[in-house]
Amino acid sequence: MKVAIAGFGTIGRKVAMLLDAGIEGLELVAVCARDHDKARANMAALSRPVPVVSAGELAALADVVVECVPKGAFMEIAEPALKAGCILVTVSGAGILANPGIVDQARNSDGRIILATGALLGLDAVRAAAEGEIHSVR
């Protein structure tokens, strides 16, 4: 499967390095980042550099889009990925909670959403819950 990464910060670069090291059946084909020059410079850490493209180009290049962007940019990645029938792997429960219509969009398309939590030892779950109303944390 062809994999593209949206966001080339700490998490996106880690995902890219794992794919670059080789995971059977998965091929990194592109990344997108707001700062293309910085992303191209960070690409030097990979043995097989891939193109740095715009968010709008990402979904057309991949079967799977791994979303590692701030919550405010979530829909810019999620909507085109689902419309293109991609599997959207997101580390942002908060992005989904802030945009609940995206779940219906996934249901009504050939795409699907996979929420990968635990990237920061449960911090993402707490941040996602904070988008709603927290009564207690134990």
Foldseek 3Di string as FASTA:
>chain_A
DEEEEEACPDVNVVVVQVVLVPDPPYHYAEYEHPDLVVSVVSQVVGPDRHYHDHLLCGLVRGQEYEYDDPLVCVCSNLVVNLQSLHEYEYQALLNCLVPVCSCVSNVVGNYYYHHDYCPPPCPRVVVNCVSDDDPDDD
